[in-house]
Amino acid sequence: MLGPMARGAWDGLRLRCPACRRGAMARGPLGLAERCPVCGAPFEPEEGDFVGAMLVAYSVTAVLVVAGIFITAALTPLSARAQWLLWLTFGALFLIGTYRNMKGAWVGILYAMTGLRRGGR
């Protein structure tokens, strides 16, 4: 099961439809389309699926920020306050900039887990 989940997450992260792998998930600078323009697969198969996307986006951001704090603490002479400011700013910008991709990854994982990739709800 990890193979299809990883593939679905990768397709979603690249904003490609996890069902047909050809259609674009992106709509505008920050949004996702409701359905695939190629195969018609829904990109929000259930109400409230954004919670999983938020969990994925927050988890990735938290890991990067914590790792960054430890690395800069060990390798730079920055004060603790400067490091926190740096990494909180990075975390906020990273989260905003990649949320759409993280939501796409979550949609891909849902497709792999529930079989929605084989034909809708």
Protein backbone atom coordinates (compact mmCIF):
# COMPACT_ATOMS: atom_id res chain seq x y z
CA MET A 1 0.00 0.00 0.00
CA LEU A 2 2.91 2.35 0.56
CA GLY A 3 3.75 2.35 -3.16
CA PRO A 4 0.38 3.72 -4.32
CA MET A 5 0.26 6.15 -1.38
CA ALA A 6 3.73 7.48 -2.14
CA ARG A 7 2.86 7.79 -5.83
CA GLY A 8 -0.42 9.55 -5.04
CA ALA A 9 1.34 11.94 -2.65
CA TRP A 10 4.04 12.66 -5.24
CA ASP A 11 1.48 13.29 -7.99
CA GLY A 12 -0.49 15.57 -5.67
CA LEU A 13 2.61 17.41 -4.50
CA ARG A 14 3.38 18.15 -8.17
CA LEU A 15 -0.27 19.22 -8.58
CA ARG A 16 -1.06 16.42 -11.02
CA CYS A 17 -4.31 14.48 -10.81
CA PRO A 18 -3.70 11.30 -8.79
CA ALA A 19 -6.39 9.49 -10.78
CA CYS A 20 -5.15 9.98 -14.35
CA ARG A 21 -1.74 11.57 -13.61
CA ARG A 22 -2.26 14.04 -16.51
CA GLY A 23 -4.71 16.73 -15.40
CA ALA A 24 -3.58 19.80 -13.50
CA MET A 25 -4.89 20.29 -9.97
CA ALA A 26 -3.89 23.97 -9.77
CA ARG A 27 -6.38 26.79 -10.22
CA GLY A 28 -5.07 30.29 -9.87
CA PRO A 29 -2.07 31.19 -7.74
CA LEU A 30 -3.30 29.53 -4.52
CA GLY A 31 -6.29 27.33 -5.24
CA LEU A 32 -7.12 23.83 -6.44
CA ALA A 33 -9.63 23.01 -9.12
CA GLU A 34 -12.76 21.17 -8.00
CA ARG A 35 -12.28 18.41 -10.58
CA CYS A 36 -9.64 17.14 -12.97
CA PRO A 37 -9.99 18.80 -16.38
CA VAL A 38 -8.94 15.52 -18.07
CA CYS A 39 -10.77 12.70 -16.22
CA GLY A 40 -13.26 14.60 -14.03
CA ALA A 41 -12.04 13.11 -10.74
CA PRO A 42 -12.99 15.24 -7.73
CA PHE A 43 -10.13 16.86 -5.83
CA GLU A 44 -12.11 17.28 -2.63
CA PRO A 45 -13.84 13.90 -2.39
CA GLU A 46 -15.33 14.43 1.09
CA GLU A 47 -16.38 17.44 3.09
CA GLY A 48 -13.67 18.50 5.54
CA ASP A 49 -10.72 16.89 3.76
CA PHE A 50 -8.79 20.13 4.25
CA VAL A 51 -8.02 19.02 7.84
CA GLY A 52 -5.68 16.30 6.58
CA ALA A 53 -4.03 18.78 4.22
CA MET A 54 -3.47 21.15 7.13
CA LEU A 55 -1.93 18.30 9.14
CA VAL A 56 0.46 17.41 6.30
CA ALA A 57 1.44 21.06 5.70
CA TYR A 58 1.90 21.81 9.38
CA SER A 59 3.95 18.64 9.98
CA VAL A 60 6.36 19.31 7.12
CA THR A 61 6.73 22.95 8.17
CA ALA A 62 7.31 22.04 11.82
CA VAL A 63 10.01 19.50 10.96
CA LEU A 64 11.82 22.02 8.74
CA VAL A 65 11.60 24.82 11.31
CA VAL A 66 12.81 22.66 14.22
CA ALA A 67 15.67 21.26 12.13
CA GLY A 68 16.57 24.78 11.01
CA ILE A 69 16.63 26.05 14.59
CA PHE A 70 18.98 23.27 15.68
CA ILE A 71 21.25 23.73 12.67
CA THR A 72 21.51 27.51 13.00
CA ALA A 73 22.03 27.21 16.76
CA ALA A 74 24.98 24.89 16.16
CA LEU A 75 26.52 26.66 13.16
CA THR A 76 25.86 30.39 13.47
CA PRO A 77 26.49 33.11 16.05
CA LEU A 78 22.91 34.42 15.74
CA SER A 79 21.13 35.25 18.98
CA ALA A 80 18.24 33.04 20.06
CA ARG A 81 15.81 35.88 19.31
CA ALA A 82 17.18 36.33 15.78
CA GLN A 83 16.97 32.59 15.15
CA TRP A 84 13.36 32.41 16.32
CA LEU A 85 12.44 35.41 14.17
CA LEU A 86 14.21 33.89 11.17
CA TRP A 87 12.58 30.50 11.51
CA LEU A 88 9.11 31.72 12.41
CA THR A 89 9.17 33.96 9.33
CA PHE A 90 10.44 31.07 7.21
CA GLY A 91 7.77 28.75 8.63
CA ALA A 92 4.94 31.17 7.90
CA LEU A 93 6.12 31.89 4.36
CA PHE A 94 6.81 28.20 3.64
CA LEU A 95 3.38 27.18 4.92
CA ILE A 96 1.60 29.81 2.84
CA GLY A 97 3.70 29.12 -0.24
CA THR A 98 3.35 25.34 -0.21
CA TYR A 99 -0.13 24.78 1.24
CA ARG A 100 -1.67 24.15 -2.18
CA ASN A 101 0.98 21.52 -2.93
CA MET A 102 0.50 19.92 0.47
CA LYS A 103 -3.25 19.82 -0.11
CA GLY A 104 -2.56 18.15 -3.46
CA ALA A 105 -0.38 15.58 -1.70
CA TRP A 106 -3.18 14.89 0.79
CA VAL A 107 -5.70 14.43 -2.05
CA GLY A 108 -3.27 11.95 -3.66
CA ILE A 109 -2.97 10.02 -0.39
CA LEU A 110 -6.76 9.92 -0.05
CA TYR A 111 -7.09 8.59 -3.57
CA ALA A 112 -4.61 5.81 -2.84
CA MET A 113 -6.22 4.92 0.51
CA THR A 114 -9.87 4.94 -0.54
CA GLY A 115 -9.72 3.79 -4.13
CA LEU A 116 -11.30 7.03 -5.36
CA ARG A 117 -8.70 7.04 -8.10
CA ARG A 118 -10.73 4.28 -9.77
CA GLY A 119 -13.81 6.33 -10.42
CA GLY A 120 -15.19 8.92 -8.08
CA ARG A 121 -17.03 8.62 -4.78
